[in-house]
Amino acid sequence: MFSRRGISPAAAFLHRLTQKHDIDDTEILVDAGGYQTALSRHDLSGHLDYRDRNHMEKCFQTVTMRIDRLCSFWRDSQSSTRRWLRRFRHYYNRYRPNQALDGSTPAEEVLN
């Protein structure tokens, strides 16, 4: 979101966030990149938990990688792309075993 890291960009982001949204009951997962200090400047508390954060980063990394692969070879129409992405989403959620879910699919995990 910012071209640089540190307390000042983190504090600016949190200031805008608190101005626009009620975040009193919000759990904020942060890394150590200035957010702990920035949170305390705004009388907010942060929970430093890399497990949840790492899962989300892995998910975004996977999505980004797959989008990059798709864009490198896909030369068809938008409707064809949407159709292919719907099929892929269906396959990914219902048939493809997920290592992070001990071999279950996301659909199985949600339904169990």
PDB file of N, CA and C in Angstrom:
ATOM      1  N   MET A   1       0.817  -1.192   0.000  1.00  0.00           N
ATOM      2  CA  MET A   1       0.000   0.000   0.000  1.00  0.00           C
ATOM      3  C   MET A   1       0.861   1.255   0.000  1.00  0.00           C
ATOM      4  N   PHE A   2       2.052   1.140   0.522  1.00  0.00           N
ATOM      5  CA  PHE A   2       2.965   2.265   0.541  1.00  0.00           C
ATOM      6  C   PHE A   2       4.276   1.849  -0.106  1.00  0.00           C
ATOM      7  N   SER A   3       4.980   2.815  -0.658  1.00  0.00           N
ATOM      8  CA  SER A   3       6.266   2.498  -1.282  1.00  0.00           C
ATOM      9  C   SER A   3       7.371   2.338  -0.249  1.00  0.00           C
ATOM     10  N   ARG A   4       7.101   2.740   0.978  1.00  0.00           N
ATOM     11  CA  ARG A   4       8.105   2.571   2.025  1.00  0.00           C
ATOM     12  C   ARG A   4       7.451   2.001   3.275  1.00  0.00           C
ATOM     13  N   ARG A   5       8.283   1.460   4.155  1.00  0.00           N
ATOM     14  CA  ARG A   5       7.801   0.846   5.382  1.00  0.00           C
ATOM     15  C   ARG A   5       8.207   1.690   6.573  1.00  0.00           C
ATOM     16  N   GLY A   6       7.603   1.401   7.690  1.00  0.00           N
ATOM     17  CA  GLY A   6       8.000   2.080   8.912  1.00  0.00           C
ATOM     18  C   GLY A   6       6.805   2.589   9.683  1.00  0.00           C
ATOM     19  N   ILE A   7       7.097   3.301  10.734  1.00  0.00           N
ATOM     20  CA  ILE A   7       6.055   3.775  11.643  1.00  0.00           C
ATOM     21  C   ILE A   7       5.184   4.848  10.996  1.00  0.00           C
ATOM     22  N   SER A   8       5.783   5.808  10.296  1.00  0.00           N
ATOM     23  CA  SER A   8       4.993   6.912   9.726  1.00  0.00           C
ATOM     24  C   SER A   8       3.949   6.449   8.714  1.00  0.00           C
ATOM     25  N   PRO A   9       4.299   5.619   7.714  1.00  0.00           N
ATOM     26  CA  PRO A   9       3.262   5.133   6.799  1.00  0.00           C
ATOM     27  C   PRO A   9       2.200   4.299   7.508  1.00  0.00           C
ATOM     28  N   ALA A  10       2.630   3.494   8.478  1.00  0.00           N
ATOM     29  CA  ALA A  10       1.682   2.672   9.224  1.00  0.00           C
ATOM     30  C   ALA A  10       0.726   3.555  10.021  1.00  0.00           C
ATOM     31  N   ALA A  11       1.246   4.582  10.664  1.00  0.00           N
ATOM     32  CA  ALA A  11       0.415   5.498  11.445  1.00  0.00           C
ATOM     33  C   ALA A  11      -0.554   6.263  10.541  1.00  0.00           C
ATOM     34  N   ALA A  12      -0.083   6.662   9.355  1.00  0.00           N
ATOM     35  CA  ALA A  12      -0.955   7.372   8.417  1.00  0.00           C
ATOM     36  C   ALA A  12      -2.100   6.469   7.964  1.00  0.00           C
ATOM     37  N   PHE A  13      -1.790   5.222   7.656  1.00  0.00           N
ATOM     38  CA  PHE A  13      -2.821   4.264   7.258  1.00  0.00           C
ATOM     39  C   PHE A  13      -3.834   4.060   8.381  1.00  0.00           C
ATOM     40  N   LEU A  14      -3.359   3.840   9.590  1.00  0.00           N
ATOM     41  CA  LEU A  14      -4.261   3.610  10.718  1.00  0.00           C
ATOM     42  C   LEU A  14      -5.101   4.842  11.028  1.00  0.00           C
ATOM     43  N   HIS A  15      -4.527   6.020  10.871  1.00  0.00           N
ATOM     44  CA  HIS A  15      -5.291   7.250  11.093  1.00  0.00           C
ATOM     45  C   HIS A  15      -6.466   7.326  10.120  1.00  0.00           C
ATOM     46  N   ARG A  16      -6.196   7.091   8.836  1.00  0.00           N
ATOM     47  CA  ARG A  16      -7.277   7.121   7.841  1.00  0.00           C
ATOM     48  C   ARG A  16      -8.294   6.021   8.112  1.00  0.00           C
ATOM     49  N   LEU A  17      -7.822   4.876   8.523  1.00  0.00           N
ATOM     50  CA  LEU A  17      -8.714   3.752   8.823  1.00  0.00           C
ATOM     51  C   LEU A  17      -9.659   4.098   9.970  1.00  0.00           C
ATOM     52  N   THR A  18      -9.126   4.683  11.029  1.00  0.00           N
ATOM     53  CA  THR A  18      -9.959   5.034  12.185  1.00  0.00           C
ATOM     54  C   THR A  18     -10.906   6.185  11.872  1.00  0.00           C
ATOM     55  N   GLN A  19     -10.546   7.033  10.922  1.00  0.00           N
ATOM     56  CA  GLN A  19     -11.438   8.132  10.527  1.00  0.00           C
ATOM     57  C   GLN A  19     -12.633   7.620   9.721  1.00  0.00           C
ATOM     58  N   LYS A  20     -12.422   6.596   8.929  1.00  0.00           N
ATOM     59  CA  LYS A  20     -13.465   6.096   8.034  1.00  0.00           C
ATOM     60  C   LYS A  20     -14.295   4.961   8.610  1.00  0.00           C
ATOM     61  N   HIS A  21     -13.739   4.200   9.546  1.00  0.00           N
ATOM     62  CA  HIS A  21     -14.407   2.987  10.014  1.00  0.00           C
ATOM     63  C   HIS A  21     -14.357   2.881  11.529  1.00  0.00           C
ATOM     64  N   ASP A  22     -15.363   2.235  12.087  1.00  0.00           N
ATOM     65  CA  ASP A  22     -15.372   1.908  13.503  1.00  0.00           C
ATOM     66  C   ASP A  22     -14.634   0.584  13.656  1.00  0.00           C
ATOM     67  N   ILE A  23     -13.451   0.636  14.228  1.00  0.00           N
ATOM     68  CA  ILE A  23     -12.643  -0.574  14.324  1.00  0.00           C
ATOM     69  C   ILE A  23     -12.437  -1.009  15.773  1.00  0.00           C
ATOM     70  N   ASP A  24     -13.346  -0.597  16.651  1.00  0.00           N
ATOM     71  CA  ASP A  24     -13.203  -0.936  18.065  1.00  0.00           C
ATOM     72  C   ASP A  24     -13.154  -2.431  18.312  1.00  0.00           C
ATOM     73  N   ASP A  25     -13.948  -3.212  17.599  1.00  0.00           N
ATOM     74  CA  ASP A  25     -13.992  -4.659  17.804  1.00  0.00           C
ATOM     75  C   ASP A  25     -13.222  -5.430  16.745  1.00  0.00           C
ATOM     76  N   THR A  26     -12.330  -4.758  16.050  1.00  0.00           N
ATOM     77  CA  THR A  26     -11.588  -5.369  14.957  1.00  0.00           C
ATOM     78  C   THR A  26     -10.276  -5.944  15.461  1.00  0.00           C
ATOM     79  N   GLU A  27      -9.981  -7.160  15.035  1.00  0.00           N
ATOM     80  CA  GLU A  27      -8.682  -7.749  15.340  1.00  0.00           C
ATOM     81  C   GLU A  27      -7.733  -7.368  14.219  1.00  0.00           C
ATOM     82  N   ILE A  28      -6.633  -6.773  14.569  1.00  0.00           N
ATOM     83  CA  ILE A  28      -5.665  -6.323  13.578  1.00  0.00           C
ATOM     84  C   ILE A  28      -4.429  -7.207  13.698  1.00  0.00           C
ATOM     85  N   LEU A  29      -4.142  -7.939  12.646  1.00  0.00           N
ATOM     86  CA  LEU A  29      -2.946  -8.770  12.599  1.00  0.00           C
ATOM     87  C   LEU A  29      -1.852  -7.979  11.908  1.00  0.00           C
ATOM     88  N   VAL A  30      -0.723  -7.860  12.544  1.00  0.00           N
ATOM     89  CA  VAL A  30       0.348  -7.014  12.018  1.00  0.00           C
ATOM     90  C   VAL A  30       1.664  -7.766  12.012  1.00  0.00           C
ATOM     91  N   ASP A  31       2.592  -7.221  11.241  1.00  0.00           N
ATOM     92  CA  ASP A  31       3.960  -7.703  11.363  1.00  0.00           C
ATOM     93  C   ASP A  31       4.703  -6.675  12.217  1.00  0.00           C
ATOM     94  N   ALA A  32       5.965  -6.848  12.353  1.00  0.00           N
ATOM     95  CA  ALA A  32       6.715  -5.949  13.230  1.00  0.00           C
ATOM     96  C   ALA A  32       7.190  -4.699  12.498  1.00  0.00           C
ATOM     97  N   GLY A  33       6.703  -4.461  11.303  1.00  0.00           N
ATOM     98  CA  GLY A  33       7.180  -3.356  10.477  1.00  0.00           C
ATOM     99  C   GLY A  33       6.636  -1.991  10.855  1.00  0.00           C
ATOM    100  N   GLY A  34       6.663  -1.631  12.094  1.00  0.00           N
ATOM    101  CA  GLY A  34       6.221  -0.311  12.524  1.00  0.00           C
ATOM    102  C   GLY A  34       4.796  -0.263  13.020  1.00  0.00           C
ATOM    103  N   TYR A  35       4.042  -1.317  12.791  1.00  0.00           N
ATOM    104  CA  TYR A  35       2.637  -1.284  13.178  1.00  0.00           C
ATOM    105  C   TYR A  35       2.419  -1.360  14.674  1.00  0.00           C
ATOM    106  N   GLN A  36       3.265  -2.067  15.407  1.00  0.00           N
ATOM    107  CA  GLN A  36       3.077  -2.140  16.854  1.00  0.00           C
ATOM    108  C   GLN A  36       3.140  -0.737  17.454  1.00  0.00           C
ATOM    109  N   THR A  37       4.132   0.047  17.065  1.00  0.00           N
ATOM    110  CA  THR A  37       4.270   1.420  17.558  1.00  0.00           C
ATOM    111  C   THR A  37       3.136   2.290  17.054  1.00  0.00           C
ATOM    112  N   ALA A  38       2.794   2.147  15.779  1.00  0.00           N
ATOM    113  CA  ALA A  38       1.716   2.945  15.200  1.00  0.00           C
ATOM    114  C   ALA A  38       0.386   2.647  15.879  1.00  0.00           C
ATOM    115  N   LEU A  39       0.122   1.391  16.180  1.00  0.00           N
ATOM    116  CA  LEU A  39      -1.113   1.026  16.880  1.00  0.00           C
ATOM    117  C   LEU A  39      -1.176   1.691  18.247  1.00  0.00           C
ATOM    118  N   SER A  40      -0.078   1.665  18.963  1.00  0.00           N
ATOM    119  CA  SER A  40      -0.087   2.282  20.296  1.00  0.00           C
ATOM    120  C   SER A  40      -0.287   3.796  20.208  1.00  0.00           C
ATOM    121  N   ARG A  41       0.178   4.428  19.153  1.00  0.00           N
ATOM    122  CA  ARG A  41      -0.049   5.874  18.965  1.00  0.00           C
ATOM    123  C   ARG A  41      -1.531   6.199  18.830  1.00  0.00           C
ATOM    124  N   HIS A  42      -2.306   5.236  18.336  1.00  0.00           N
ATOM    125  CA  HIS A  42      -3.746   5.447  18.145  1.00  0.00           C
ATOM    126  C   HIS A  42      -4.573   4.747  19.214  1.00  0.00           C
ATOM    127  N   ASP A  43      -3.934   4.367  20.316  1.00  0.00           N
ATOM    128  CA  ASP A  43      -4.607   3.663  21.410  1.00  0.00           C
ATOM    129  C   ASP A  43      -5.301   2.397  20.923  1.00  0.00           C
ATOM    130  N   LEU A  44      -4.676   1.710  19.997  1.00  0.00           N
ATOM    131  CA  LEU A  44      -5.176   0.440  19.492  1.00  0.00           C
ATOM    132  C   LEU A  44      -4.197  -0.647  19.912  1.00  0.00           C
ATOM    133  N   SER A  45      -4.682  -1.855  19.990  1.00  0.00           N
ATOM    134  CA  SER A  45      -3.771  -2.952  20.302  1.00  0.00           C
ATOM    135  C   SER A  45      -3.692  -3.871  19.095  1.00  0.00           C
ATOM    136  N   GLY A  46      -2.547  -4.425  18.899  1.00  0.00           N
ATOM    137  CA  GLY A  46      -2.344  -5.344  17.792  1.00  0.00           C
ATOM    138  C   GLY A  46      -1.913  -6.688  18.316  1.00  0.00           C
ATOM    139  N   HIS A  47      -2.231  -7.693  17.572  1.00  0.00           N
ATOM    140  CA  HIS A  47      -1.871  -9.053  17.949  1.00  0.00           C
ATOM    141  C   HIS A  47      -0.873  -9.546  16.921  1.00  0.00           C
ATOM    142  N   LEU A  48       0.330  -9.789  17.367  1.00  0.00           N
ATOM    143  CA  LEU A  48       1.377 -10.258  16.474  1.00  0.00           C
ATOM    144  C   LEU A  48       1.295 -11.778  16.396  1.00  0.00           C
ATOM    145  N   ASP A  49       0.706 -12.280  15.318  1.00  0.00           N
ATOM    146  CA  ASP A  49       0.507 -13.718  15.154  1.00  0.00           C
ATOM    147  C   ASP A  49       0.858 -14.069  13.718  1.00  0.00           C
ATOM    148  N   TYR A  50       2.031 -14.630  13.533  1.00  0.00           N
ATOM    149  CA  TYR A  50       2.493 -14.920  12.183  1.00  0.00           C
ATOM    150  C   TYR A  50       1.777 -16.091  11.540  1.00  0.00           C
ATOM    151  N   ARG A  51       1.149 -16.957  12.326  1.00  0.00           N
ATOM    152  CA  ARG A  51       0.479 -18.120  11.728  1.00  0.00           C
ATOM    153  C   ARG A  51      -0.626 -17.674  10.776  1.00  0.00           C
ATOM    154  N   ASP A  52      -1.571 -16.853  11.240  1.00  0.00           N
ATOM    155  CA  ASP A  52      -2.664 -16.396  10.382  1.00  0.00           C
ATOM    156  C   ASP A  52      -2.142 -15.532   9.243  1.00  0.00           C
ATOM    157  N   ARG A  53      -1.199 -14.665   9.550  1.00  0.00           N
ATOM    158  CA  ARG A  53      -0.650 -13.769   8.548  1.00  0.00           C
ATOM    159  C   ARG A  53       0.055 -14.563   7.463  1.00  0.00           C
ATOM    160  N   ASN A  54       0.815 -15.567   7.846  1.00  0.00           N
ATOM    161  CA  ASN A  54       1.546 -16.368   6.862  1.00  0.00           C
ATOM    162  C   ASN A  54       0.602 -17.150   5.955  1.00  0.00           C
ATOM    163  N   HIS A  55      -0.511 -17.626   6.494  1.00  0.00           N
ATOM    164  CA  HIS A  55      -1.495 -18.318   5.657  1.00  0.00           C
ATOM    165  C   HIS A  55      -2.059 -17.373   4.601  1.00  0.00           C
ATOM    166  N   MET A  56      -2.371 -16.152   5.006  1.00  0.00           N
ATOM    167  CA  MET A  56      -2.919 -15.184   4.048  1.00  0.00           C
ATOM    168  C   MET A  56      -1.882 -14.795   3.003  1.00  0.00           C
ATOM    169  N   GLU A  57      -0.649 -14.583   3.428  1.00  0.00           N
ATOM    170  CA  GLU A  57       0.390 -14.232   2.466  1.00  0.00           C
ATOM    171  C   GLU A  57       0.617 -15.363   1.465  1.00  0.00           C
ATOM    172  N   LYS A  58       0.575 -16.599   1.928  1.00  0.00           N
ATOM    173  CA  LYS A  58       0.728 -17.744   1.034  1.00  0.00           C
ATOM    174  C   LYS A  58      -0.428 -17.799   0.027  1.00  0.00           C
ATOM    175  N   CYS A  59      -1.621 -17.516   0.508  1.00  0.00           N
ATOM    176  CA  CYS A  59      -2.786 -17.500  -0.370  1.00  0.00           C
ATOM    177  C   CYS A  59      -2.625 -16.429  -1.454  1.00  0.00           C
ATOM    178  N   PHE A  60      -2.249 -15.213  -1.061  1.00  0.00           N
ATOM    179  CA  PHE A  60      -2.061 -14.138  -2.039  1.00  0.00           C
ATOM    180  C   PHE A  60      -0.913 -14.453  -2.989  1.00  0.00           C
ATOM    181  N   GLN A  61       0.139 -15.073  -2.475  1.00  0.00           N
ATOM    182  CA  GLN A  61       1.256 -15.454  -3.325  1.00  0.00           C
ATOM    183  C   GLN A  61       0.805 -16.462  -4.377  1.00  0.00           C
ATOM    184  N   THR A  62       0.001 -17.430  -3.966  1.00  0.00           N
ATOM    185  CA  THR A  62      -0.499 -18.443  -4.892  1.00  0.00           C
ATOM    186  C   THR A  62      -1.398 -17.813  -5.949  1.00  0.00           C
ATOM    187  N   VAL A  63      -2.315 -16.952  -5.526  1.00  0.00           N
ATOM    188  CA  VAL A  63      -3.213 -16.290  -6.479  1.00  0.00           C
ATOM    189  C   VAL A  63      -2.416 -15.447  -7.460  1.00  0.00           C
ATOM    190  N   THR A  64      -1.465 -14.679  -6.979  1.00  0.00           N
ATOM    191  CA  THR A  64      -0.642 -13.836  -7.847  1.00  0.00           C
ATOM    192  C   THR A  64       0.133 -14.668  -8.852  1.00  0.00           C
ATOM    193  N   MET A  65       0.722 -15.765  -8.389  1.00  0.00           N
ATOM    194  CA  MET A  65       1.483 -16.642  -9.273  1.00  0.00           C
ATOM    195  C   MET A  65       0.578 -17.201 -10.369  1.00  0.00           C
ATOM    196  N   ARG A  66      -0.618 -17.623  -9.985  1.00  0.00           N
ATOM    197  CA  ARG A  66      -1.516 -18.219 -10.979  1.00  0.00           C
ATOM    198  C   ARG A  66      -2.048 -17.178 -11.961  1.00  0.00           C
ATOM    199  N   ILE A  67      -2.293 -15.981 -11.500  1.00  0.00           N
ATOM    200  CA  ILE A  67      -2.720 -14.915 -12.408  1.00  0.00           C
ATOM    201  C   ILE A  67      -1.597 -14.597 -13.392  1.00  0.00           C
ATOM    202  N   ASP A  68      -0.366 -14.532 -12.886  1.00  0.00           N
ATOM    203  CA  ASP A  68       0.774 -14.271 -13.774  1.00  0.00           C
ATOM    204  C   ASP A  68       0.907 -15.361 -14.836  1.00  0.00           C
ATOM    205  N   ARG A  69       0.741 -16.603 -14.427  1.00  0.00           N
ATOM    206  CA  ARG A  69       0.813 -17.705 -15.400  1.00  0.00           C
ATOM    207  C   ARG A  69      -0.305 -17.605 -16.426  1.00  0.00           C
ATOM    208  N   LEU A  70      -1.497 -17.296 -15.951  1.00  0.00           N
ATOM    209  CA  LEU A  70      -2.631 -17.167 -16.865  1.00  0.00           C
ATOM    210  C   LEU A  70      -2.386 -16.049 -17.872  1.00  0.00           C
ATOM    211  N   CYS A  71      -1.936 -14.905 -17.395  1.00  0.00           N
ATOM    212  CA  CYS A  71      -1.721 -13.756 -18.278  1.00  0.00           C
ATOM    213  C   CYS A  71      -0.592 -13.990 -19.274  1.00  0.00           C
ATOM    214  N   SER A  72       0.340 -14.864 -18.928  1.00  0.00           N
ATOM    215  CA  SER A  72       1.470 -15.083 -19.834  1.00  0.00           C
ATOM    216  C   SER A  72       1.083 -15.882 -21.076  1.00  0.00           C
ATOM    217  N   PHE A  73      -0.024 -16.647 -21.008  1.00  0.00           N
ATOM    218  CA  PHE A  73      -0.361 -17.439 -22.191  1.00  0.00           C
ATOM    219  C   PHE A  73      -1.797 -17.243 -22.678  1.00  0.00           C
ATOM    220  N   TRP A  74      -2.661 -16.625 -21.919  1.00  0.00           N
ATOM    221  CA  TRP A  74      -4.067 -16.513 -22.307  1.00  0.00           C
ATOM    222  C   TRP A  74      -4.259 -15.405 -23.332  1.00  0.00           C
ATOM    223  N   ARG A  75      -4.826 -15.733 -24.453  1.00  0.00           N
ATOM    224  CA  ARG A  75      -5.020 -14.750 -25.525  1.00  0.00           C
ATOM    225  C   ARG A  75      -6.450 -14.804 -26.053  1.00  0.00           C
ATOM    226  N   ASP A  76      -7.407 -15.124 -25.207  1.00  0.00           N
ATOM    227  CA  ASP A  76      -8.768 -15.314 -25.658  1.00  0.00           C
ATOM    228  C   ASP A  76      -9.656 -14.167 -25.172  1.00  0.00           C
ATOM    229  N   SER A  77     -10.946 -14.276 -25.421  1.00  0.00           N
ATOM    230  CA  SER A  77     -11.891 -13.225 -25.067  1.00  0.00           C
ATOM    231  C   SER A  77     -12.138 -13.173 -23.563  1.00  0.00           C
ATOM    232  N   GLN A  78     -12.739 -12.062 -23.106  1.00  0.00           N
ATOM    233  CA  GLN A  78     -13.068 -11.924 -21.686  1.00  0.00           C
ATOM    234  C   GLN A  78     -14.070 -12.981 -21.241  1.00  0.00           C
ATOM    235  N   SER A  79     -15.072 -13.248 -22.055  1.00  0.00           N
ATOM    236  CA  SER A  79     -16.070 -14.243 -21.667  1.00  0.00           C
ATOM    237  C   SER A  79     -15.432 -15.631 -21.556  1.00  0.00           C
ATOM    238  N   SER A  80     -14.518 -15.941 -22.452  1.00  0.00           N
ATOM    239  CA  SER A  80     -13.817 -17.215 -22.383  1.00  0.00           C
ATOM    240  C   SER A  80     -12.950 -17.283 -21.124  1.00  0.00           C
ATOM    241  N   THR A  81     -12.316 -16.183 -20.787  1.00  0.00           N
ATOM    242  CA  THR A  81     -11.498 -16.126 -19.581  1.00  0.00           C
ATOM    243  C   THR A  81     -12.356 -16.331 -18.347  1.00  0.00           C
ATOM    244  N   ARG A  82     -13.493 -15.654 -18.279  1.00  0.00           N
ATOM    245  CA  ARG A  82     -14.403 -15.814 -17.129  1.00  0.00           C
ATOM    246  C   ARG A  82     -14.880 -17.260 -17.003  1.00  0.00           C
ATOM    247  N   ARG A  83     -15.220 -17.863 -18.110  1.00  0.00           N
ATOM    248  CA  ARG A  83     -15.676 -19.251 -18.111  1.00  0.00           C
ATOM    249  C   ARG A  83     -14.570 -20.177 -17.593  1.00  0.00           C
ATOM    250  N   TRP A  84     -13.354 -19.967 -18.071  1.00  0.00           N
ATOM    251  CA  TRP A  84     -12.231 -20.774 -17.629  1.00  0.00           C
ATOM    252  C   TRP A  84     -11.972 -20.582 -16.131  1.00  0.00           C
ATOM    253  N   LEU A  85     -12.021 -19.329 -15.650  1.00  0.00           N
ATOM    254  CA  LEU A  85     -11.793 -19.057 -14.234  1.00  0.00           C
ATOM    255  C   LEU A  85     -12.880 -19.681 -13.356  1.00  0.00           C
ATOM    256  N   ARG A  86     -14.123 -19.669 -13.808  1.00  0.00           N
ATOM    257  CA  ARG A  86     -15.200 -20.346 -13.051  1.00  0.00           C
ATOM    258  C   ARG A  86     -14.923 -21.845 -12.943  1.00  0.00           C
ATOM    259  N   ARG A  87     -14.504 -22.444 -14.046  1.00  0.00           N
ATOM    260  CA  ARG A  87     -14.181 -23.879 -14.025  1.00  0.00           C
ATOM    261  C   ARG A  87     -13.001 -24.168 -13.103  1.00  0.00           C
ATOM    262  N   PHE A  88     -11.993 -23.313 -13.181  1.00  0.00           N
ATOM    263  CA  PHE A  88     -10.832 -23.505 -12.323  1.00  0.00           C
ATOM    264  C   PHE A  88     -11.219 -23.369 -10.852  1.00  0.00           C
ATOM    265  N   ARG A  89     -12.025 -22.372 -10.512  1.00  0.00           N
ATOM    266  CA  ARG A  89     -12.468 -22.172  -9.133  1.00  0.00           C
ATOM    267  C   ARG A  89     -13.227 -23.398  -8.641  1.00  0.00           C
ATOM    268  N   HIS A  90     -14.093 -23.940  -9.486  1.00  0.00           N
ATOM    269  CA  HIS A  90     -14.847 -25.134  -9.120  1.00  0.00           C
ATOM    270  C   HIS A  90     -13.895 -26.312  -8.865  1.00  0.00           C
ATOM    271  N   TYR A  91     -12.942 -26.514  -9.757  1.00  0.00           N
ATOM    272  CA  TYR A  91     -11.959 -27.592  -9.593  1.00  0.00           C
ATOM    273  C   TYR A  91     -11.138 -27.374  -8.322  1.00  0.00           C
ATOM    274  N   TYR A  92     -10.626 -26.165  -8.132  1.00  0.00           N
ATOM    275  CA  TYR A  92      -9.751 -25.858  -6.996  1.00  0.00           C
ATOM    276  C   TYR A  92     -10.473 -26.081  -5.667  1.00  0.00           C
ATOM    277  N   ASN A  93     -11.723 -25.658  -5.583  1.00  0.00           N
ATOM    278  CA  ASN A  93     -12.464 -25.760  -4.325  1.00  0.00           C
ATOM    279  C   ASN A  93     -13.045 -27.140  -4.052  1.00  0.00           C
ATOM    280  N   ARG A  94     -13.336 -27.910  -5.100  1.00  0.00           N
ATOM    281  CA  ARG A  94     -14.057 -29.166  -4.886  1.00  0.00           C
ATOM    282  C   ARG A  94     -13.261 -30.431  -5.168  1.00  0.00           C
ATOM    283  N   TYR A  95     -12.216 -30.370  -5.978  1.00  0.00           N
ATOM    284  CA  TYR A  95     -11.513 -31.587  -6.383  1.00  0.00           C
ATOM    285  C   TYR A  95     -10.022 -31.613  -6.042  1.00  0.00           C
ATOM    286  N   ARG A  96      -9.373 -30.486  -6.012  1.00  0.00           N
ATOM    287  CA  ARG A  96      -7.924 -30.447  -5.813  1.00  0.00           C
ATOM    288  C   ARG A  96      -7.578 -30.564  -4.332  1.00  0.00           C
ATOM    289  N   PRO A  97      -6.861 -31.613  -3.921  1.00  0.00           N
ATOM    290  CA  PRO A  97      -6.456 -31.737  -2.520  1.00  0.00           C
ATOM    291  C   PRO A  97      -5.529 -30.581  -2.129  1.00  0.00           C
ATOM    292  N   ASN A  98      -5.721 -30.068  -0.939  1.00  0.00           N
ATOM    293  CA  ASN A  98      -4.947 -28.936  -0.475  1.00  0.00           C
ATOM    294  C   ASN A  98      -3.996 -29.403   0.627  1.00  0.00           C
ATOM    295  N   GLN A  99      -2.717 -29.166   0.432  1.00  0.00           N
ATOM    296  CA  GLN A  99      -1.710 -29.612   1.387  1.00  0.00           C
ATOM    297  C   GLN A  99      -1.925 -28.970   2.759  1.00  0.00           C
ATOM    298  N   ALA A 100      -2.299 -27.705   2.797  1.00  0.00           N
ATOM    299  CA  ALA A 100      -2.519 -27.018   4.074  1.00  0.00           C
ATOM    300  C   ALA A 100      -3.742 -27.549   4.811  1.00  0.00           C
ATOM    301  N   LEU A 101      -4.623 -28.245   4.098  1.00  0.00           N
ATOM    302  CA  LEU A 101      -5.823 -28.817   4.712  1.00  0.00           C
ATOM    303  C   LEU A 101      -5.687 -30.326   4.880  1.00  0.00           C
ATOM    304  N   ASP A 102      -4.479 -30.802   4.976  1.00  0.00           N
ATOM    305  CA  ASP A 102      -4.193 -32.235   5.136  1.00  0.00           C
ATOM    306  C   ASP A 102      -4.834 -33.100   4.057  1.00  0.00           C
ATOM    307  N   GLY A 103      -4.789 -32.630   2.823  1.00  0.00           N
ATOM    308  CA  GLY A 103      -5.296 -33.403   1.698  1.00  0.00           C
ATOM    309  C   GLY A 103      -6.778 -33.223   1.406  1.00  0.00           C
ATOM    310  N   SER A 104      -7.472 -32.459   2.242  1.00  0.00           N
ATOM    311  CA  SER A 104      -8.898 -32.184   1.980  1.00  0.00           C
ATOM    312  C   SER A 104      -9.005 -31.067   0.959  1.00  0.00           C
ATOM    313  N   THR A 105     -10.181 -30.940   0.389  1.00  0.00           N
ATOM    314  CA  THR A 105     -10.455 -29.801  -0.483  1.00  0.00           C
ATOM    315  C   THR A 105     -11.060 -28.690   0.369  1.00  0.00           C
ATOM    316  N   PRO A 106     -11.010 -27.440  -0.096  1.00  0.00           N
ATOM    317  CA  PRO A 106     -11.639 -26.362   0.659  1.00  0.00           C
ATOM    318  C   PRO A 106     -13.132 -26.626   0.924  1.00  0.00           C
ATOM    319  N   ALA A 107     -13.836 -27.201  -0.054  1.00  0.00           N
ATOM    320  CA  ALA A 107     -15.260 -27.507   0.133  1.00  0.00           C
ATOM    321  C   ALA A 107     -15.456 -28.525   1.244  1.00  0.00           C
ATOM    322  N   GLU A 108     -14.637 -29.564   1.274  1.00  0.00           N
ATOM    323  CA  GLU A 108     -14.739 -30.558   2.345  1.00  0.00           C
ATOM    324  C   GLU A 108     -14.469 -29.932   3.697  1.00  0.00           C
ATOM    325  N   GLU A 109     -13.503 -29.050   3.764  1.00  0.00           N
ATOM    326  CA  GLU A 109     -13.153 -28.400   5.019  1.00  0.00           C
ATOM    327  C   GLU A 109     -14.295 -27.532   5.550  1.00  0.00           C
ATOM    328  N   VAL A 110     -14.958 -26.833   4.661  1.00  0.00           N
ATOM    329  CA  VAL A 110     -16.074 -25.965   5.061  1.00  0.00           C
ATOM    330  C   VAL A 110     -17.281 -26.790   5.476  1.00  0.00           C
ATOM    331  N   LEU A 111     -17.533 -27.878   4.757  1.00  0.00           N
ATOM    332  CA  LEU A 111     -18.731 -28.695   5.043  1.00  0.00           C
ATOM    333  C   LEU A 111     -18.579 -29.577   6.267  1.00  0.00           C
ATOM    334  N   ASN A 112     -17.351 -29.844   6.703  1.00  0.00           N
ATOM    335  CA  ASN A 112     -17.132 -30.705   7.871  1.00  0.00           C
ATOM    336  C   ASN A 112     -17.066 -29.933   9.164  1.00  0.00           C
TER     337      ASN A 112
END
